Amino acid sequence: MTGGGVTRARPNVSILIPAYNAEATLPACLEGIARSTWQPLEVILFSDGSTDSTEAIATAAGCRIVRNDGRPRGPAHGRNEAAKAAVGDWLLLVDADVVIAPDALELLGEEMLAKGAIGAFGSYDDTPRSQRGTSLYANLRHHFVHQHGPADASTFWSGLGLIDRETFLRFGGFDEALFPYPSIEDVELGARLVAAGHRIRLVHAAHGKHCKDWPLLRVWHTDIFRRAVPWAEMIIDGKTAGADLNVSQIERIKALVALLGLALLLGSVIVPQFLIGVVATWLAYIWFNRDFFGFLAKRLPLHRLALAVTMHWCYHIYSTFTFVIIAVTRRLGWRRRIAVPE
């Protein structure tokens, strides 16, 4: 890169991949890295108690292996351990079920160099591998949210995120005690970094293809216990550093409309006339979500679009109920953090 007539050398990059029994998706992940236009200095796989062929696949691809031989301790721990073993100036964090685009690392790196940022992250692309209706909704929702987020980010994302290694280690990496399971450990780290005055960039053009399959119960479990519960706790404890993500003012309005529609639907069992209000609230809900639903309509057949719209309505309802429950229990003095179930 050239700036002011001075050529800046590219920092060395270590790619870190936490993995637990990832043989189904790891080959595609490693193939994506091999096609990268900016080749890393090393690829480190943290095997978190894997019992399948994950380590053999990684070894055959030339990865360094850092191993946990005990019970799985979660990706936060895995990335922290891999970061300690890494020798690169920067760390590219990639999930074992993500296939990075050939230019993803280059786009993230150039953005960090150009903007003086200590981190940068991208998003899933809009063509996930799984064509299950629930998977399409979960992955396209993630893509849409990131694609409409501000370039100066207030959080971080470890599915496809580049970060300065020295800064990562100095801040203690991910909070593995708070997040022993896959959760919002990356959001929490990003909030800490931004609160300390560091800059993180969201690079909309840096993409990775998500290969995970999402059954309905997995979507709901992840949304509630892995995201909504810890996110509510961060908001209540004032640890979000101004991040809004999907809890902005307009999202709160959408949630209220969704809740009103549910209340009227339940009330219509006693007062049938409430069905008129149900229709009105649904039309209002569709209007407030017209950008997202329009995006989905261009990519999904009608029956899957109907499923996605319904799932989004449910998402606003259970996310709001989760926040209320956490807020009430905190107000009552129950400060113990709610455990995240497996």
Protein backbone atom coordinates (compact mmCIF):
# COMPACT_ATOMS: atom_id res chain seq x y z
CA MET A 1 0.00 0.00 0.00
CA THR A 2 1.22 3.49 -0.84
CA GLY A 3 0.51 6.60 1.21
CA GLY A 4 2.31 9.95 0.93
CA GLY A 5 4.92 8.37 -1.34
CA VAL A 6 5.81 5.74 1.29
CA THR A 7 5.17 2.06 0.66
CA ARG A 8 3.92 0.29 3.76
CA ALA A 9 4.76 -3.37 4.11
CA ARG A 10 1.86 -5.67 4.71
CA PRO A 11 1.76 -7.07 8.24
CA ASN A 12 2.09 -10.82 8.61
CA VAL A 13 -1.23 -12.52 9.30
CA SER A 14 -1.94 -15.62 11.35
CA ILE A 15 -5.30 -17.23 10.64
CA LEU A 16 -6.98 -18.79 13.68
CA ILE A 17 -9.72 -21.40 13.35
CA PRO A 18 -11.41 -22.81 16.46
CA ALA A 19 -12.95 -26.19 15.69
CA TYR A 20 -14.87 -28.95 17.40
CA ASN A 21 -15.68 -31.99 15.22
CA ALA A 22 -15.71 -29.79 12.13
CA GLU A 23 -14.92 -32.41 9.48
CA ALA A 24 -18.09 -31.59 7.52
CA THR A 25 -17.16 -27.94 6.87
CA LEU A 26 -13.41 -27.62 7.53
CA PRO A 27 -12.21 -28.76 4.06
CA ALA A 28 -14.20 -25.98 2.35
CA CYS A 29 -12.98 -23.48 4.97
CA LEU A 30 -9.33 -24.36 4.30
CA GLU A 31 -9.84 -24.34 0.54
CA GLY A 32 -11.18 -20.81 0.80
CA ILE A 33 -8.07 -19.74 2.70
CA ALA A 34 -5.84 -21.38 0.08
CA ARG A 35 -7.50 -19.20 -2.60
CA SER A 36 -6.95 -15.96 -0.67
CA THR A 37 -5.22 -13.17 -2.61
CA TRP A 38 -3.39 -12.22 0.59
CA GLN A 39 -1.75 -15.37 1.84
CA PRO A 40 -1.25 -15.73 5.61
CA LEU A 41 2.01 -16.46 7.36
CA GLU A 42 0.38 -19.44 9.07
CA VAL A 43 -2.94 -21.12 9.74
CA ILE A 44 -3.53 -22.35 13.29
CA LEU A 45 -6.38 -24.71 14.10
CA PHE A 46 -7.45 -25.00 17.70
CA SER A 47 -8.91 -28.48 18.12
CA ASP A 48 -11.32 -28.18 21.04
CA GLY A 49 -11.52 -31.83 22.07
CA SER A 50 -12.36 -33.01 18.55
CA THR A 51 -12.95 -36.74 18.16
CA ASP A 52 -13.48 -36.90 14.38
CA SER A 53 -11.05 -36.26 11.50
CA THR A 54 -10.79 -32.51 12.11
CA GLU A 55 -7.11 -32.63 13.10
CA ALA A 56 -6.15 -34.96 10.24
CA ILE A 57 -7.80 -32.62 7.72
CA ALA A 58 -6.01 -29.59 9.18
CA THR A 59 -2.63 -31.36 9.30
CA ALA A 60 -2.95 -32.46 5.68
CA ALA A 61 -3.60 -28.84 4.71
CA GLY A 62 -0.42 -27.66 6.49
CA CYS A 63 -2.06 -26.10 9.54
CA ARG A 64 -0.44 -25.85 12.94
CA ILE A 65 -2.49 -27.64 15.58
CA VAL A 66 -3.11 -26.32 19.07
CA ARG A 67 -5.04 -28.92 21.02
CA ASN A 68 -7.35 -29.18 23.96
CA ASP A 69 -7.53 -32.86 24.87
CA GLY A 70 -10.24 -32.43 27.50
CA ARG A 71 -13.89 -31.51 27.24
CA PRO A 72 -14.66 -28.65 24.84
CA ARG A 73 -14.06 -25.22 26.36
CA GLY A 74 -15.63 -23.07 23.64
CA PRO A 75 -14.37 -20.90 20.79
CA ALA A 76 -13.50 -17.94 23.06
CA HIS A 77 -10.93 -20.09 24.85
CA GLY A 78 -9.79 -21.63 21.59
CA ARG A 79 -9.11 -18.31 19.89
CA ASN A 80 -7.30 -17.01 22.96
CA GLU A 81 -5.00 -20.03 23.07
CA ALA A 82 -4.36 -19.91 19.34
CA ALA A 83 -3.57 -16.19 19.56
CA LYS A 84 -0.93 -16.86 22.21
CA ALA A 85 0.72 -19.39 19.90
CA ALA A 86 0.51 -17.18 16.80
CA VAL A 87 3.51 -15.26 15.44
CA GLY A 88 1.74 -12.95 12.99
CA ASP A 89 1.29 -9.21 13.51
CA TRP A 90 -2.43 -9.53 12.82
CA LEU A 91 -4.93 -12.29 13.53
CA LEU A 92 -7.64 -13.28 11.09
CA LEU A 93 -10.37 -15.08 13.01
CA VAL A 94 -12.38 -17.46 10.87
CA ASP A 95 -15.04 -19.94 11.95
CA ALA A 96 -14.58 -23.52 10.78
CA ASP A 97 -17.91 -23.34 8.94
CA VAL A 98 -17.09 -20.17 6.98
CA VAL A 99 -15.52 -20.09 3.50
CA ILE A 100 -13.85 -16.72 3.01
CA ALA A 101 -13.99 -15.02 -0.38
CA PRO A 102 -10.61 -14.77 -2.17
CA ASP A 103 -10.39 -11.01 -1.55
CA ALA A 104 -11.81 -10.98 2.00
CA LEU A 105 -8.51 -10.83 3.89
CA GLU A 106 -7.12 -8.26 1.47
CA LEU A 107 -10.16 -6.01 1.84
CA LEU A 108 -10.01 -6.18 5.63
CA GLY A 109 -6.26 -5.58 5.74
CA GLU A 110 -6.34 -2.64 3.35
CA GLU A 111 -9.14 -1.07 5.37
CA MET A 112 -7.16 -1.35 8.59
CA LEU A 113 -4.10 0.18 6.97
CA ALA A 114 -6.06 2.99 5.33
CA LYS A 115 -8.14 3.93 8.39
CA GLY A 116 -5.66 3.26 11.18
CA ALA A 117 -8.02 0.72 12.73
CA ILE A 118 -7.01 -2.09 15.08
CA GLY A 119 -9.72 -4.38 13.74
CA ALA A 120 -12.03 -4.96 10.79
CA PHE A 121 -14.70 -7.52 10.01
CA GLY A 122 -17.00 -8.52 7.17
CA SER A 123 -20.23 -10.48 6.88
CA TYR A 124 -21.77 -13.64 5.51
CA ASP A 125 -22.60 -13.47 1.82
CA ASP A 126 -26.18 -13.78 0.59
CA THR A 127 -25.81 -17.32 -0.78
CA PRO A 128 -25.48 -19.65 2.25
CA ARG A 129 -24.73 -23.29 1.55
CA SER A 130 -27.72 -24.73 3.39
CA GLN A 131 -31.01 -24.27 1.56
CA ARG A 132 -33.16 -25.23 4.56
CA GLY A 133 -35.75 -22.50 5.03
CA THR A 134 -34.75 -21.77 8.62
CA SER A 135 -31.06 -21.62 7.63
CA LEU A 136 -31.78 -19.19 4.83
CA TYR A 137 -33.59 -16.89 7.24
CA ALA A 138 -30.86 -16.99 9.89
CA ASN A 139 -28.00 -16.42 7.45
CA LEU A 140 -29.72 -13.77 5.34
CA ARG A 141 -30.76 -11.86 8.46
CA HIS A 142 -27.13 -11.78 9.58
CA HIS A 143 -26.01 -10.63 6.11
CA PHE A 144 -28.64 -7.89 5.98
CA VAL A 145 -27.82 -6.53 9.45
CA HIS A 146 -24.10 -6.34 8.71
CA GLN A 147 -24.61 -4.89 5.25
CA HIS A 148 -26.63 -2.04 6.76
CA GLY A 149 -24.32 -1.40 9.69
CA PRO A 150 -22.11 1.73 9.87
CA ALA A 151 -18.54 1.42 8.61
CA ASP A 152 -17.23 2.74 11.92
CA ALA A 153 -18.35 -0.21 14.00
CA SER A 154 -19.02 -0.32 17.71
CA THR A 155 -18.55 -4.10 17.94
CA PHE A 156 -16.47 -6.89 16.41
CA TRP A 157 -17.27 -10.18 14.69
CA SER A 158 -15.12 -13.29 14.93
CA GLY A 159 -16.73 -15.25 12.11
CA LEU A 160 -14.56 -13.27 9.69
CA GLY A 161 -12.61 -10.65 11.62
CA LEU A 162 -9.09 -9.25 11.43
CA ILE A 163 -7.48 -7.77 14.53
CA ASP A 164 -4.11 -6.52 15.71
CA ARG A 165 -2.53 -9.33 17.74
CA GLU A 166 -0.76 -7.12 20.30
CA THR A 167 -3.97 -5.22 21.03
CA PHE A 168 -5.97 -8.44 21.25
CA LEU A 169 -3.58 -9.92 23.81
CA ARG A 170 -3.23 -6.69 25.78
CA PHE A 171 -7.00 -6.57 26.28
CA GLY A 172 -7.08 -10.20 27.39
CA GLY A 173 -8.74 -11.49 24.26
CA PHE A 174 -12.22 -12.91 24.59
CA ASP A 175 -13.80 -13.31 28.01
CA GLU A 176 -13.80 -17.10 28.11
CA ALA A 177 -15.06 -17.21 31.70
CA LEU A 178 -18.16 -15.20 30.78
CA PHE A 179 -18.64 -17.03 27.47
CA PRO A 180 -17.79 -20.74 27.80
CA TYR A 181 -20.03 -21.49 24.81
CA PRO A 182 -20.34 -19.79 21.40
CA SER A 183 -22.09 -16.53 22.19
CA ILE A 184 -21.44 -12.79 21.79
CA GLU A 185 -17.87 -12.86 23.09
CA ASP A 186 -16.81 -10.96 19.96
CA VAL A 187 -19.41 -8.23 20.52
CA GLU A 188 -18.23 -7.85 24.13
CA LEU A 189 -14.58 -7.59 23.07
CA GLY A 190 -15.43 -5.04 20.40
CA ALA A 191 -17.35 -2.93 22.91
CA ARG A 192 -14.33 -2.94 25.25
CA LEU A 193 -11.98 -1.91 22.45
CA VAL A 194 -14.23 0.90 21.21
CA ALA A 195 -14.78 2.15 24.77
CA ALA A 196 -11.00 2.40 25.10
CA GLY A 197 -10.82 4.62 22.02
CA HIS A 198 -9.80 2.09 19.39
CA ARG A 199 -11.27 2.02 15.92
CA ILE A 200 -12.95 -1.01 14.33
CA ARG A 201 -14.22 -1.03 10.76
CA LEU A 202 -17.06 -2.96 9.17
CA VAL A 203 -16.08 -3.77 5.58
CA HIS A 204 -19.28 -4.49 3.72
CA ALA A 205 -17.51 -5.99 0.69
CA ALA A 206 -15.57 -8.61 2.70
CA HIS A 207 -17.64 -11.78 2.60
CA GLY A 208 -17.60 -15.35 3.80
CA LYS A 209 -20.02 -18.12 2.90
CA HIS A 210 -21.67 -19.74 5.91
CA CYS A 211 -21.90 -23.52 5.71
CA LYS A 212 -23.81 -24.19 8.91
CA ASP A 213 -27.24 -25.78 8.77
CA TRP A 214 -29.79 -24.17 11.10
CA PRO A 215 -32.81 -26.24 12.22
CA LEU A 216 -35.58 -24.17 13.75
CA LEU A 217 -34.88 -25.10 17.38
CA ARG A 218 -31.18 -24.29 16.90
CA VAL A 219 -32.08 -20.83 15.58
CA TRP A 220 -34.33 -20.13 18.55
CA HIS A 221 -31.89 -21.54 21.10
CA THR A 222 -29.03 -19.47 19.69
CA ASP A 223 -31.09 -16.29 19.40
CA ILE A 224 -32.37 -16.48 22.96
CA PHE A 225 -29.68 -18.09 25.10
CA ARG A 226 -26.51 -17.30 23.16
CA ARG A 227 -27.43 -13.77 22.05
CA ALA A 228 -30.48 -12.16 23.63
CA VAL A 229 -29.68 -13.12 27.23
CA PRO A 230 -26.03 -11.94 27.29
CA TRP A 231 -26.83 -8.94 25.10
CA ALA A 232 -29.58 -7.83 27.51
CA GLU A 233 -27.14 -8.18 30.38
CA MET A 234 -24.55 -6.06 28.55
CA ILE A 235 -27.13 -3.34 27.87
CA ILE A 236 -28.36 -3.29 31.47
CA ASP A 237 -24.79 -3.20 32.77
CA GLY A 238 -23.89 -0.34 30.39
CA LYS A 239 -21.19 -2.33 28.57
CA THR A 240 -22.29 -1.88 24.97
CA ALA A 241 -20.17 1.22 24.23
CA GLY A 242 -23.07 2.74 22.30
CA ALA A 243 -23.56 -0.29 20.06
CA ASP A 244 -27.06 -0.61 18.69
CA LEU A 245 -26.90 -3.47 16.15
CA ASN A 246 -30.46 -4.77 16.13
CA VAL A 247 -31.69 -2.85 19.20
CA SER A 248 -31.89 0.59 17.61
CA GLN A 249 -34.93 2.82 18.06
CA ILE A 250 -36.60 1.53 14.90
CA GLU A 251 -36.04 -2.06 16.00
CA ARG A 252 -37.77 -1.30 19.29
CA ILE A 253 -40.74 0.06 17.37
CA LYS A 254 -40.86 -3.12 15.29
CA ALA A 255 -40.80 -5.18 18.47
CA LEU A 256 -43.68 -3.20 19.98
CA VAL A 257 -45.76 -3.66 16.82
CA ALA A 258 -45.03 -7.40 16.87
CA LEU A 259 -46.06 -7.62 20.53
CA LEU A 260 -49.23 -5.64 19.90
CA GLY A 261 -50.11 -8.04 17.10
CA LEU A 262 -49.60 -11.01 19.41
CA ALA A 263 -51.72 -9.43 22.15
CA LEU A 264 -54.56 -8.72 19.70
CA LEU A 265 -54.32 -12.23 18.28
CA LEU A 266 -54.68 -13.74 21.74
CA GLY A 267 -57.45 -11.30 22.59
CA SER A 268 -59.38 -12.22 19.45
CA VAL A 269 -60.20 -15.56 21.07
CA ILE A 270 -62.50 -13.59 23.40
CA VAL A 271 -63.23 -10.56 21.20
CA PRO A 272 -63.31 -11.62 17.52
CA GLN A 273 -63.34 -7.99 16.43
CA PHE A 274 -59.69 -7.81 17.49
CA LEU A 275 -58.85 -9.69 14.29
CA ILE A 276 -59.18 -6.37 12.48
CA GLY A 277 -56.42 -5.02 14.71
CA VAL A 278 -54.33 -8.13 14.03
CA VAL A 279 -54.48 -7.43 10.30
CA ALA A 280 -53.64 -3.76 10.88
CA THR A 281 -50.63 -4.55 13.05
CA TRP A 282 -49.36 -7.14 10.58
CA LEU A 283 -49.56 -4.62 7.77
CA ALA A 284 -47.70 -2.10 9.97
CA TYR A 285 -45.11 -4.74 10.84
CA ILE A 286 -44.51 -5.53 7.17
CA TRP A 287 -44.19 -1.81 6.44
CA PHE A 288 -41.61 -1.21 9.16
CA ASN A 289 -39.61 -4.21 7.91
CA ARG A 290 -40.10 -3.47 4.22
CA ASP A 291 -36.38 -3.14 3.45
CA PHE A 292 -35.50 -6.51 4.98
CA PHE A 293 -38.57 -8.27 3.62
CA GLY A 294 -37.94 -6.75 0.20
CA PHE A 295 -34.40 -8.08 0.35
CA LEU A 296 -35.73 -11.53 1.25
CA ALA A 297 -38.39 -11.41 -1.47
CA LYS A 298 -35.68 -11.12 -4.15
CA ARG A 299 -33.93 -14.26 -2.88
CA LEU A 300 -36.62 -16.60 -1.57
CA PRO A 301 -39.62 -18.36 -3.13
CA LEU A 302 -42.98 -17.39 -1.72
CA HIS A 303 -43.35 -20.26 0.78
CA ARG A 304 -39.88 -19.63 2.23
CA LEU A 305 -40.51 -15.90 2.30
CA ALA A 306 -43.65 -16.55 4.38
CA LEU A 307 -41.59 -18.71 6.76
CA ALA A 308 -38.89 -16.03 7.07
CA VAL A 309 -41.43 -13.27 7.77
CA THR A 310 -43.07 -15.40 10.47
CA MET A 311 -39.71 -16.27 12.02
CA HIS A 312 -38.76 -12.58 12.07
CA TRP A 313 -42.03 -11.75 13.85
CA CYS A 314 -41.24 -14.46 16.42
CA TYR A 315 -37.69 -13.12 16.71
CA HIS A 316 -38.91 -9.67 17.75
CA ILE A 317 -41.30 -11.20 20.28
CA TYR A 318 -38.93 -13.58 22.04
CA SER A 319 -36.05 -11.10 21.99
CA THR A 320 -38.25 -8.50 23.71
CA PHE A 321 -39.55 -10.97 26.29
CA THR A 322 -35.98 -12.05 27.03
CA PHE A 323 -34.88 -8.47 27.66
CA VAL A 324 -37.86 -7.81 29.94
CA ILE A 325 -37.18 -10.96 31.96
CA ILE A 326 -33.51 -10.06 32.41
CA ALA A 327 -34.36 -6.46 33.32
CA VAL A 328 -36.96 -7.52 35.90
CA THR A 329 -34.69 -10.08 37.55
CA ARG A 330 -31.91 -7.51 37.77
CA ARG A 331 -34.28 -4.94 39.27
CA LEU A 332 -35.30 -7.48 41.88
CA GLY A 333 -31.66 -7.83 42.87
CA TRP A 334 -30.88 -11.09 41.14
CA ARG A 335 -27.43 -10.10 39.87
CA ARG A 336 -26.18 -13.59 39.15
CA ARG A 337 -25.66 -14.06 35.45
CA ILE A 338 -28.09 -16.54 33.90
CA ALA A 339 -26.22 -19.64 32.77
CA VAL A 340 -26.17 -20.43 29.08
CA PRO A 341 -27.35 -24.02 28.60
CA GLU A 342 -25.72 -26.40 26.18
